[in-house]
Amino acid sequence: MSIPSPKAVIATAAILFVSACIISDVRTRRIPNALTGPAILIGLALNTACFGPSGALASLVGFALAIALMIAPFALGGIGGGDVKMMGAVGAFLGPALIMKSLLLGFILGGAFAVAHLIRISRLREKLAITWLMFHNAVMSRSLEPLQAPRDSPNAVALPYSVPLGIGTASVIAISVLAQR
């Protein structure tokens, strides 16, 4: 029996963490700090233990990059704070290169999931018109305020965004593992 590589251990930990986040988000519509906080520290500790100072730096940069890229969608009301912290932890596990790919794929999948869901509930045209109006008002007023999604609107359509983000992360990890073979 062979000992798994450090990258395999880190990838496995990241997949287990993302899976736990998805389960929590789908069940409760929350990703608790008790899940994300320790995961950030574990990602940093694993990278430091396996790769020394360069691993620590990659972990910290991955964490910071994920948070920085998730702040705008969070501030505009498109995603929740748990999604931001989840991807921050994923950045701590995977570092900057893989977190960029994970976020890109996760955002693409999130858009596709949202469009499919809106088609399924016959609200795509309505939401496209509202989105167009939000962008028009933002341009005309030269303000980002019209882009903020109303958080407690009875007409809001909410999806657990951890699902596409998690699928994007798992896919990027799988592709990176296959590329190493």
Protein backbone atom coordinates (compact mmCIF):
# COMPACT_ATOMS: atom_id res chain seq x y z
CA MET A 1 0.00 0.00 0.00
CA SER A 2 1.44 3.34 -1.03
CA ILE A 3 1.30 6.57 0.96
CA PRO A 4 -0.81 9.25 -0.76
CA SER A 5 1.00 12.31 -2.07
CA PRO A 6 0.63 15.61 -0.19
CA LYS A 7 -1.35 17.03 -3.11
CA ALA A 8 -3.74 14.05 -2.94
CA VAL A 9 -4.27 14.58 0.80
CA ILE A 10 -4.98 18.29 0.29
CA ALA A 11 -7.30 17.61 -2.67
CA THR A 12 -9.20 14.99 -0.66
CA ALA A 13 -9.57 17.36 2.29
CA ALA A 14 -10.86 20.08 -0.04
CA ILE A 15 -13.41 17.73 -1.64
CA LEU A 16 -14.65 16.53 1.77
CA PHE A 17 -14.96 20.13 2.97
CA VAL A 18 -16.86 21.27 -0.14
CA SER A 19 -19.18 18.26 0.14
CA ALA A 20 -19.98 19.14 3.76
CA CYS A 21 -20.69 22.75 2.73
CA ILE A 22 -23.04 21.66 -0.05
CA ILE A 23 -24.94 19.32 2.27
CA SER A 24 -25.31 22.07 4.88
CA ASP A 25 -26.34 24.70 2.32
CA VAL A 26 -28.92 22.48 0.63
CA ARG A 27 -30.42 21.38 3.96
CA THR A 28 -30.35 24.64 5.92
CA ARG A 29 -29.47 27.36 3.37
CA ARG A 30 -26.45 28.19 5.54
CA ILE A 31 -22.75 27.32 5.59
CA PRO A 32 -21.74 27.74 9.23
CA ASN A 33 -18.57 29.42 10.47
CA ALA A 34 -17.91 26.26 12.50
CA LEU A 35 -17.30 24.53 9.15
CA THR A 36 -15.46 27.25 7.24
CA GLY A 37 -13.20 28.61 9.99
CA PRO A 38 -11.44 25.32 10.78
CA ALA A 39 -11.19 24.50 7.06
CA ILE A 40 -9.28 27.72 6.40
CA LEU A 41 -6.82 26.83 9.16
CA ILE A 42 -6.54 23.21 7.99
CA GLY A 43 -5.81 24.33 4.41
CA LEU A 44 -3.08 26.65 5.65
CA ALA A 45 -1.65 24.01 8.01
CA LEU A 46 -1.61 21.25 5.38
CA ASN A 47 0.07 23.44 2.78
CA THR A 48 2.62 24.67 5.31
CA ALA A 49 3.36 21.15 6.58
CA CYS A 50 3.64 19.69 3.07
CA PHE A 51 5.38 22.50 1.20
CA GLY A 52 6.94 24.77 3.83
CA PRO A 53 6.93 28.57 3.52
CA SER A 54 6.04 28.47 -0.19
CA GLY A 55 3.00 26.33 0.67
CA ALA A 56 1.96 28.77 3.37
CA LEU A 57 2.28 31.67 0.98
CA ALA A 58 0.30 29.87 -1.76
CA SER A 59 -2.41 29.05 0.78
CA LEU A 60 -2.66 32.63 2.02
CA VAL A 61 -2.70 34.06 -1.51
CA GLY A 62 -5.37 31.54 -2.57
CA PHE A 63 -7.49 32.47 0.45
CA ALA A 64 -7.09 36.23 -0.14
CA LEU A 65 -7.75 35.94 -3.88
CA ALA A 66 -10.96 33.97 -3.35
CA ILE A 67 -12.25 36.45 -0.78
CA ALA A 68 -11.35 39.41 -3.00
CA LEU A 69 -13.16 37.94 -6.01
CA MET A 70 -16.23 36.96 -4.01
CA ILE A 71 -16.72 40.28 -2.18
CA ALA A 72 -18.45 42.09 -5.08
CA PRO A 73 -21.07 39.37 -5.73
CA PHE A 74 -21.67 39.20 -1.96
CA ALA A 75 -21.99 42.99 -1.63
CA LEU A 76 -24.47 43.04 -4.51
CA GLY A 77 -26.58 40.34 -2.83
CA GLY A 78 -25.93 37.61 -5.40
CA ILE A 79 -24.28 35.17 -2.99
CA GLY A 80 -24.20 34.63 0.75
CA GLY A 81 -21.39 35.10 3.22
CA GLY A 82 -21.08 31.34 3.66
CA ASP A 83 -20.28 30.98 -0.05
CA VAL A 84 -17.54 33.61 0.31
CA LYS A 85 -16.00 31.85 3.31
CA MET A 86 -16.34 28.44 1.64
CA MET A 87 -14.37 29.60 -1.38
CA GLY A 88 -11.86 31.37 0.87
CA ALA A 89 -11.22 28.01 2.52
CA VAL A 90 -10.98 26.32 -0.88
CA GLY A 91 -8.39 28.94 -1.82
CA ALA A 92 -6.47 28.09 1.36
CA PHE A 93 -6.49 24.43 0.30
CA LEU A 94 -5.76 24.84 -3.41
CA GLY A 95 -3.75 28.06 -3.79
CA PRO A 96 -4.17 30.85 -6.34
CA ALA A 97 -4.01 29.00 -9.67
CA LEU A 98 -6.64 26.38 -8.85
CA ILE A 99 -8.94 28.77 -6.97
CA MET A 100 -9.10 31.00 -10.06
CA LYS A 101 -10.13 28.03 -12.19
CA SER A 102 -12.59 26.82 -9.53
CA LEU A 103 -14.25 30.22 -9.27
CA LEU A 104 -14.45 30.67 -13.03
CA LEU A 105 -16.06 27.28 -13.55
CA GLY A 106 -18.27 27.73 -10.48
CA PHE A 107 -19.57 31.09 -11.72
CA ILE A 108 -20.25 29.68 -15.19
CA LEU A 109 -22.10 26.70 -13.70
CA GLY A 110 -23.97 29.00 -11.32
CA GLY A 111 -25.23 31.07 -14.24
CA ALA A 112 -26.26 27.95 -16.13
CA PHE A 113 -28.05 26.54 -13.05
CA ALA A 114 -29.86 29.86 -12.53
CA VAL A 115 -31.00 30.07 -16.16
CA ALA A 116 -32.18 26.44 -16.12
CA HIS A 117 -34.06 27.02 -12.86
CA LEU A 118 -35.69 30.20 -14.17
CA ILE A 119 -36.77 28.40 -17.34
CA ARG A 120 -38.16 25.55 -15.23
CA ILE A 121 -40.29 27.95 -13.15
CA SER A 122 -41.19 30.12 -16.18
CA ARG A 123 -39.53 33.29 -14.84
CA LEU A 124 -36.55 33.76 -17.16
CA ARG A 125 -38.11 36.59 -19.19
CA GLU A 126 -39.17 38.43 -16.02
CA LYS A 127 -35.70 38.16 -14.43
CA LEU A 128 -33.93 39.19 -17.64
CA ALA A 129 -36.11 42.31 -17.84
CA ILE A 130 -35.40 43.16 -14.19
CA THR A 131 -31.66 42.59 -14.71
CA TRP A 132 -31.65 44.84 -17.79
CA LEU A 133 -33.46 47.54 -15.82
CA MET A 134 -30.96 47.25 -12.94
CA PHE A 135 -28.01 47.69 -15.32
CA HIS A 136 -29.72 50.56 -17.16
CA ASN A 137 -30.42 52.35 -13.89
CA ALA A 138 -26.84 51.79 -12.71
CA VAL A 139 -25.44 53.32 -15.90
CA MET A 140 -27.87 56.22 -15.90
CA SER A 141 -27.28 57.04 -12.22
CA ARG A 142 -23.55 56.26 -12.37
CA SER A 143 -23.99 54.22 -9.21
CA LEU A 144 -23.69 50.57 -8.25
CA GLU A 145 -26.65 50.86 -5.89
CA PRO A 146 -29.25 49.75 -8.49
CA LEU A 147 -27.28 46.51 -8.94
CA GLN A 148 -27.91 45.40 -5.38
CA ALA A 149 -30.30 42.48 -5.32
CA PRO A 150 -33.17 42.94 -2.87
CA ARG A 151 -32.39 40.40 -0.11
CA ASP A 152 -35.85 39.84 1.34
CA SER A 153 -38.03 40.32 -1.72
CA PRO A 154 -40.94 37.89 -1.95
CA ASN A 155 -40.16 37.61 -5.69
CA ALA A 156 -36.52 36.64 -5.10
CA VAL A 157 -35.29 33.40 -6.61
CA ALA A 158 -32.56 31.90 -4.46
CA LEU A 159 -30.41 28.86 -5.14
CA PRO A 160 -27.76 27.31 -2.89
CA TYR A 161 -24.74 28.69 -4.75
CA SER A 162 -22.41 26.27 -2.97
CA VAL A 163 -23.63 23.59 -5.38
CA PRO A 164 -22.21 25.08 -8.61
CA LEU A 165 -19.16 26.43 -6.77
CA GLY A 166 -18.56 22.99 -5.27
CA ILE A 167 -19.05 21.19 -8.58
CA GLY A 168 -16.64 23.65 -10.19
CA THR A 169 -14.08 23.00 -7.45
CA ALA A 170 -14.42 19.22 -7.63
CA SER A 171 -14.12 19.34 -11.43
CA VAL A 172 -10.97 21.48 -11.31
CA ILE A 173 -9.42 19.14 -8.74
CA ALA A 174 -10.29 16.08 -10.86
CA ILE A 175 -8.88 17.67 -14.01
CA SER A 176 -5.68 18.69 -12.22
CA VAL A 177 -5.24 15.15 -10.85
CA LEU A 178 -5.78 13.64 -14.30
CA ALA A 179 -3.34 16.10 -15.84
CA GLN A 180 -0.62 14.91 -13.44
CA ARG A 181 -0.89 11.31 -14.60
